[in-house]
Amino acid sequence: MSFTDKAKAKAQEMSGLAKERIGDATDNERLRAQGASEQRTARDRQKEAGRNVKNFEK
């Protein structure tokens, strides 16, 4: 995973965190769920990229 990809994933994760917190503060369940989903997607991308690097090194 390149630095640019890592930065994009981290930005998506932070965006998801912000949405989730705003959803909590405004009692907006849909926004909270959307934020949680974005965070999960970003973390999965980072994990998948790490696995790809480990497989490439073998």
PDB file of N, CA and C in Angstrom:
ATOM      1  N   MET A   1       0.864  -1.167   0.000  1.00  0.00           N
ATOM      2  CA  MET A   1       0.000   0.000   0.000  1.00  0.00           C
ATOM      3  C   MET A   1       0.904   1.221   0.000  1.00  0.00           C
ATOM      4  N   SER A   2       0.697   2.072  -0.955  1.00  0.00           N
ATOM      5  CA  SER A   2       1.523   3.274  -1.055  1.00  0.00           C
ATOM      6  C   SER A   2       1.113   4.289   0.007  1.00  0.00           C
ATOM      7  N   PHE A   3       1.961   5.262   0.174  1.00  0.00           N
ATOM      8  CA  PHE A   3       1.677   6.319   1.153  1.00  0.00           C
ATOM      9  C   PHE A   3       0.371   7.024   0.819  1.00  0.00           C
ATOM     10  N   THR A   4       0.126   7.249  -0.465  1.00  0.00           N
ATOM     11  CA  THR A   4      -1.100   7.922  -0.889  1.00  0.00           C
ATOM     12  C   THR A   4      -2.340   7.099  -0.511  1.00  0.00           C
ATOM     13  N   ASP A   5      -2.262   5.791  -0.727  1.00  0.00           N
ATOM     14  CA  ASP A   5      -3.378   4.911  -0.371  1.00  0.00           C
ATOM     15  C   ASP A   5      -3.614   4.908   1.137  1.00  0.00           C
ATOM     16  N   LYS A   6      -2.527   4.886   1.902  1.00  0.00           N
ATOM     17  CA  LYS A   6      -2.647   4.927   3.364  1.00  0.00           C
ATOM     18  C   LYS A   6      -3.300   6.230   3.813  1.00  0.00           C
ATOM     19  N   ALA A   7      -2.889   7.330   3.193  1.00  0.00           N
ATOM     20  CA  ALA A   7      -3.448   8.630   3.551  1.00  0.00           C
ATOM     21  C   ALA A   7      -4.934   8.697   3.202  1.00  0.00           C
ATOM     22  N   LYS A   8      -5.310   8.153   2.059  1.00  0.00           N
ATOM     23  CA  LYS A   8      -6.722   8.142   1.668  1.00  0.00           C
ATOM     24  C   LYS A   8      -7.554   7.295   2.631  1.00  0.00           C
ATOM     25  N   ALA A   9      -7.024   6.140   3.010  1.00  0.00           N
ATOM     26  CA  ALA A   9      -7.742   5.266   3.934  1.00  0.00           C
ATOM     27  C   ALA A   9      -7.878   5.931   5.302  1.00  0.00           C
ATOM     28  N   LYS A  10      -6.830   6.590   5.749  1.00  0.00           N
ATOM     29  CA  LYS A  10      -6.883   7.271   7.043  1.00  0.00           C
ATOM     30  C   LYS A  10      -7.872   8.434   6.992  1.00  0.00           C
ATOM     31  N   ALA A  11      -7.896   9.162   5.886  1.00  0.00           N
ATOM     32  CA  ALA A  11      -8.849  10.265   5.742  1.00  0.00           C
ATOM     33  C   ALA A  11     -10.277   9.736   5.746  1.00  0.00           C
ATOM     34  N   GLN A  12     -10.509   8.611   5.082  1.00  0.00           N
ATOM     35  CA  GLN A  12     -11.846   8.012   5.074  1.00  0.00           C
ATOM     36  C   GLN A  12     -12.230   7.550   6.478  1.00  0.00           C
ATOM     37  N   GLU A  13     -11.262   6.996   7.202  1.00  0.00           N
ATOM     38  CA  GLU A  13     -11.534   6.549   8.564  1.00  0.00           C
ATOM     39  C   GLU A  13     -11.892   7.734   9.467  1.00  0.00           C
ATOM     40  N   MET A  14     -11.168   8.830   9.334  1.00  0.00           N
ATOM     41  CA  MET A  14     -11.442  10.016  10.148  1.00  0.00           C
ATOM     42  C   MET A  14     -12.782  10.646   9.764  1.00  0.00           C
ATOM     43  N   SER A  15     -13.104  10.636   8.490  1.00  0.00           N
ATOM     44  CA  SER A  15     -14.392  11.144   8.029  1.00  0.00           C
ATOM     45  C   SER A  15     -15.528  10.311   8.619  1.00  0.00           C
ATOM     46  N   GLY A  16     -15.343   9.009   8.634  1.00  0.00           N
ATOM     47  CA  GLY A  16     -16.342   8.124   9.217  1.00  0.00           C
ATOM     48  C   GLY A  16     -16.514   8.365  10.706  1.00  0.00           C
ATOM     49  N   LEU A  17     -15.399   8.610  11.394  1.00  0.00           N
ATOM     50  CA  LEU A  17     -15.467   8.897  12.826  1.00  0.00           C
ATOM     51  C   LEU A  17     -16.241  10.186  13.084  1.00  0.00           C
ATOM     52  N   ALA A  18     -15.968  11.201  12.266  1.00  0.00           N
ATOM     53  CA  ALA A  18     -16.680  12.477  12.418  1.00  0.00           C
ATOM     54  C   ALA A  18     -18.181  12.294  12.176  1.00  0.00           C
ATOM     55  N   LYS A  19     -18.534  11.553  11.133  1.00  0.00           N
ATOM     56  CA  LYS A  19     -19.952  11.313  10.840  1.00  0.00           C
ATOM     57  C   LYS A  19     -20.620  10.562  11.977  1.00  0.00           C
ATOM     58  N   GLU A  20     -19.911   9.576  12.515  1.00  0.00           N
ATOM     59  CA  GLU A  20     -20.488   8.787  13.601  1.00  0.00           C
ATOM     60  C   GLU A  20     -20.730   9.672  14.831  1.00  0.00           C
ATOM     61  N   ARG A  21     -19.783  10.504  15.158  1.00  0.00           N
ATOM     62  CA  ARG A  21     -19.943  11.379  16.329  1.00  0.00           C
ATOM     63  C   ARG A  21     -21.032  12.428  16.122  1.00  0.00           C
ATOM     64  N   ILE A  22     -21.112  12.974  14.922  1.00  0.00           N
ATOM     65  CA  ILE A  22     -22.177  13.938  14.635  1.00  0.00           C
ATOM     66  C   ILE A  22     -23.533  13.239  14.716  1.00  0.00           C
ATOM     67  N   GLY A  23     -23.599  12.019  14.210  1.00  0.00           N
ATOM     68  CA  GLY A  23     -24.835  11.238  14.299  1.00  0.00           C
ATOM     69  C   GLY A  23     -25.232  10.977  15.745  1.00  0.00           C
ATOM     70  N   ASP A  24     -24.245  10.697  16.586  1.00  0.00           N
ATOM     71  CA  ASP A  24     -24.529  10.500  18.010  1.00  0.00           C
ATOM     72  C   ASP A  24     -25.041  11.786  18.649  1.00  0.00           C
ATOM     73  N   ALA A  25     -24.392  12.894  18.332  1.00  0.00           N
ATOM     74  CA  ALA A  25     -24.750  14.171  18.944  1.00  0.00           C
ATOM     75  C   ALA A  25     -26.139  14.648  18.521  1.00  0.00           C
ATOM     76  N   THR A  26     -26.508  14.373  17.273  1.00  0.00           N
ATOM     77  CA  THR A  26     -27.790  14.843  16.757  1.00  0.00           C
ATOM     78  C   THR A  26     -28.873  13.770  16.812  1.00  0.00           C
ATOM     79  N   ASP A  27     -28.517  12.622  17.362  1.00  0.00           N
ATOM     80  CA  ASP A  27     -29.436  11.490  17.461  1.00  0.00           C
ATOM     81  C   ASP A  27     -29.923  11.048  16.077  1.00  0.00           C
ATOM     82  N   ASN A  28     -29.004  11.077  15.111  1.00  0.00           N
ATOM     83  CA  ASN A  28     -29.294  10.676  13.736  1.00  0.00           C
ATOM     84  C   ASN A  28     -28.697   9.287  13.516  1.00  0.00           C
ATOM     85  N   GLU A  29     -29.519   8.271  13.598  1.00  0.00           N
ATOM     86  CA  GLU A  29     -29.056   6.887  13.522  1.00  0.00           C
ATOM     87  C   GLU A  29     -28.458   6.544  12.156  1.00  0.00           C
ATOM     88  N   ARG A  30     -29.032   7.104  11.103  1.00  0.00           N
ATOM     89  CA  ARG A  30     -28.528   6.819   9.755  1.00  0.00           C
ATOM     90  C   ARG A  30     -27.112   7.359   9.552  1.00  0.00           C
ATOM     91  N   LEU A  31     -26.863   8.573  10.018  1.00  0.00           N
ATOM     92  CA  LEU A  31     -25.533   9.172   9.889  1.00  0.00           C
ATOM     93  C   LEU A  31     -24.518   8.410  10.738  1.00  0.00           C
ATOM     94  N   ARG A  32     -24.929   7.979  11.937  1.00  0.00           N
ATOM     95  CA  ARG A  32     -24.050   7.218  12.802  1.00  0.00           C
ATOM     96  C   ARG A  32     -23.657   5.896  12.146  1.00  0.00           C
ATOM     97  N   ALA A  33     -24.608   5.221  11.557  1.00  0.00           N
ATOM     98  CA  ALA A  33     -24.342   3.948  10.893  1.00  0.00           C
ATOM     99  C   ALA A  33     -23.454   4.138   9.667  1.00  0.00           C
ATOM    100  N   GLN A  34     -23.680   5.209   8.928  1.00  0.00           N
ATOM    101  CA  GLN A  34     -22.859   5.494   7.746  1.00  0.00           C
ATOM    102  C   GLN A  34     -21.410   5.737   8.163  1.00  0.00           C
ATOM    103  N   GLY A  35     -21.221   6.468   9.239  1.00  0.00           N
ATOM    104  CA  GLY A  35     -19.867   6.732   9.733  1.00  0.00           C
ATOM    105  C   GLY A  35     -19.168   5.465  10.182  1.00  0.00           C
ATOM    106  N   ALA A  36     -19.880   4.614  10.892  1.00  0.00           N
ATOM    107  CA  ALA A  36     -19.298   3.351  11.342  1.00  0.00           C
ATOM    108  C   ALA A  36     -18.912   2.485  10.150  1.00  0.00           C
ATOM    109  N   SER A  37     -19.747   2.483   9.132  1.00  0.00           N
ATOM    110  CA  SER A  37     -19.474   1.706   7.935  1.00  0.00           C
ATOM    111  C   SER A  37     -18.222   2.217   7.213  1.00  0.00           C
ATOM    112  N   GLU A  38     -18.083   3.519   7.118  1.00  0.00           N
ATOM    113  CA  GLU A  38     -16.896   4.099   6.464  1.00  0.00           C
ATOM    114  C   GLU A  38     -15.627   3.735   7.225  1.00  0.00           C
ATOM    115  N   GLN A  39     -15.691   3.777   8.530  1.00  0.00           N
ATOM    116  CA  GLN A  39     -14.520   3.407   9.327  1.00  0.00           C
ATOM    117  C   GLN A  39     -14.129   1.956   9.089  1.00  0.00           C
ATOM    118  N   ARG A  40     -15.122   1.083   9.086  1.00  0.00           N
ATOM    119  CA  ARG A  40     -14.870  -0.338   8.868  1.00  0.00           C
ATOM    120  C   ARG A  40     -14.244  -0.574   7.489  1.00  0.00           C
ATOM    121  N   THR A  41     -14.769   0.096   6.488  1.00  0.00           N
ATOM    122  CA  THR A  41     -14.244  -0.058   5.128  1.00  0.00           C
ATOM    123  C   THR A  41     -12.780   0.380   5.053  1.00  0.00           C
ATOM    124  N   ALA A  42     -12.469   1.503   5.673  1.00  0.00           N
ATOM    125  CA  ALA A  42     -11.097   2.011   5.648  1.00  0.00           C
ATOM    126  C   ALA A  42     -10.145   1.055   6.368  1.00  0.00           C
ATOM    127  N   ARG A  43     -10.560   0.539   7.507  1.00  0.00           N
ATOM    128  CA  ARG A  43      -9.709  -0.402   8.256  1.00  0.00           C
ATOM    129  C   ARG A  43      -9.506  -1.693   7.471  1.00  0.00           C
ATOM    130  N   ASP A  44     -10.546  -2.164   6.810  1.00  0.00           N
ATOM    131  CA  ASP A  44     -10.426  -3.382   6.006  1.00  0.00           C
ATOM    132  C   ASP A  44      -9.453  -3.186   4.857  1.00  0.00           C
ATOM    133  N   ARG A  45      -9.494  -2.021   4.235  1.00  0.00           N
ATOM    134  CA  ARG A  45      -8.538  -1.735   3.154  1.00  0.00           C
ATOM    135  C   ARG A  45      -7.107  -1.767   3.652  1.00  0.00           C
ATOM    136  N   GLN A  46      -6.877  -1.191   4.820  1.00  0.00           N
ATOM    137  CA  GLN A  46      -5.531  -1.172   5.371  1.00  0.00           C
ATOM    138  C   GLN A  46      -5.059  -2.583   5.705  1.00  0.00           C
ATOM    139  N   LYS A  47      -5.931  -3.404   6.275  1.00  0.00           N
ATOM    140  CA  LYS A  47      -5.573  -4.783   6.608  1.00  0.00           C
ATOM    141  C   LYS A  47      -5.289  -5.585   5.350  1.00  0.00           C
ATOM    142  N   GLU A  48      -6.125  -5.423   4.342  1.00  0.00           N
ATOM    143  CA  GLU A  48      -5.945  -6.156   3.089  1.00  0.00           C
ATOM    144  C   GLU A  48      -4.625  -5.788   2.428  1.00  0.00           C
ATOM    145  N   ALA A  49      -4.285  -4.533   2.456  1.00  0.00           N
ATOM    146  CA  ALA A  49      -3.026  -4.090   1.861  1.00  0.00           C
ATOM    147  C   ALA A  49      -1.851  -4.692   2.617  1.00  0.00           C
ATOM    148  N   GLY A  50      -1.961  -4.772   3.930  1.00  0.00           N
ATOM    149  CA  GLY A  50      -0.895  -5.387   4.724  1.00  0.00           C
ATOM    150  C   GLY A  50      -0.720  -6.852   4.384  1.00  0.00           C
ATOM    151  N   ARG A  51      -1.815  -7.557   4.182  1.00  0.00           N
ATOM    152  CA  ARG A  51      -1.742  -8.963   3.797  1.00  0.00           C
ATOM    153  C   ARG A  51      -1.108  -9.126   2.419  1.00  0.00           C
ATOM    154  N   ASN A  52      -1.441  -8.231   1.504  1.00  0.00           N
ATOM    155  CA  ASN A  52      -0.859  -8.297   0.163  1.00  0.00           C
ATOM    156  C   ASN A  52       0.637  -8.104   0.205  1.00  0.00           C
ATOM    157  N   VAL A  53       1.108  -7.203   1.050  1.00  0.00           N
ATOM    158  CA  VAL A  53       2.546  -6.970   1.167  1.00  0.00           C
ATOM    159  C   VAL A  53       3.225  -8.197   1.740  1.00  0.00           C
ATOM    160  N   LYS A  54       2.641  -8.805   2.765  1.00  0.00           N
ATOM    161  CA  LYS A  54       3.233 -10.014   3.361  1.00  0.00           C
ATOM    162  C   LYS A  54       3.298 -11.149   2.360  1.00  0.00           C
ATOM    163  N   ASN A  55       2.247 -11.312   1.554  1.00  0.00           N
ATOM    164  CA  ASN A  55       2.242 -12.368   0.540  1.00  0.00           C
ATOM    165  C   ASN A  55       3.266 -12.093  -0.552  1.00  0.00           C
ATOM    166  N   PHE A  56       3.495 -10.846  -0.866  1.00  0.00           N
ATOM    167  CA  PHE A  56       4.449 -10.478  -1.906  1.00  0.00           C
ATOM    168  C   PHE A  56       5.869 -10.783  -1.454  1.00  0.00           C
ATOM    169  N   GLU A  57       6.146 -10.641  -0.166  1.00  0.00           N
ATOM    170  CA  GLU A  57       7.495 -10.839   0.351  1.00  0.00           C
ATOM    171  C   GLU A  57       7.909 -12.302   0.338  1.00  0.00           C
ATOM    172  N   LYS A  58       6.962 -13.232   0.321  1.00  0.00           N
ATOM    173  CA  LYS A  58       7.279 -14.665   0.372  1.00  0.00           C
ATOM    174  C   LYS A  58       7.894 -15.156  -0.884  1.00  0.00           C
TER     175      LYS A  58
END
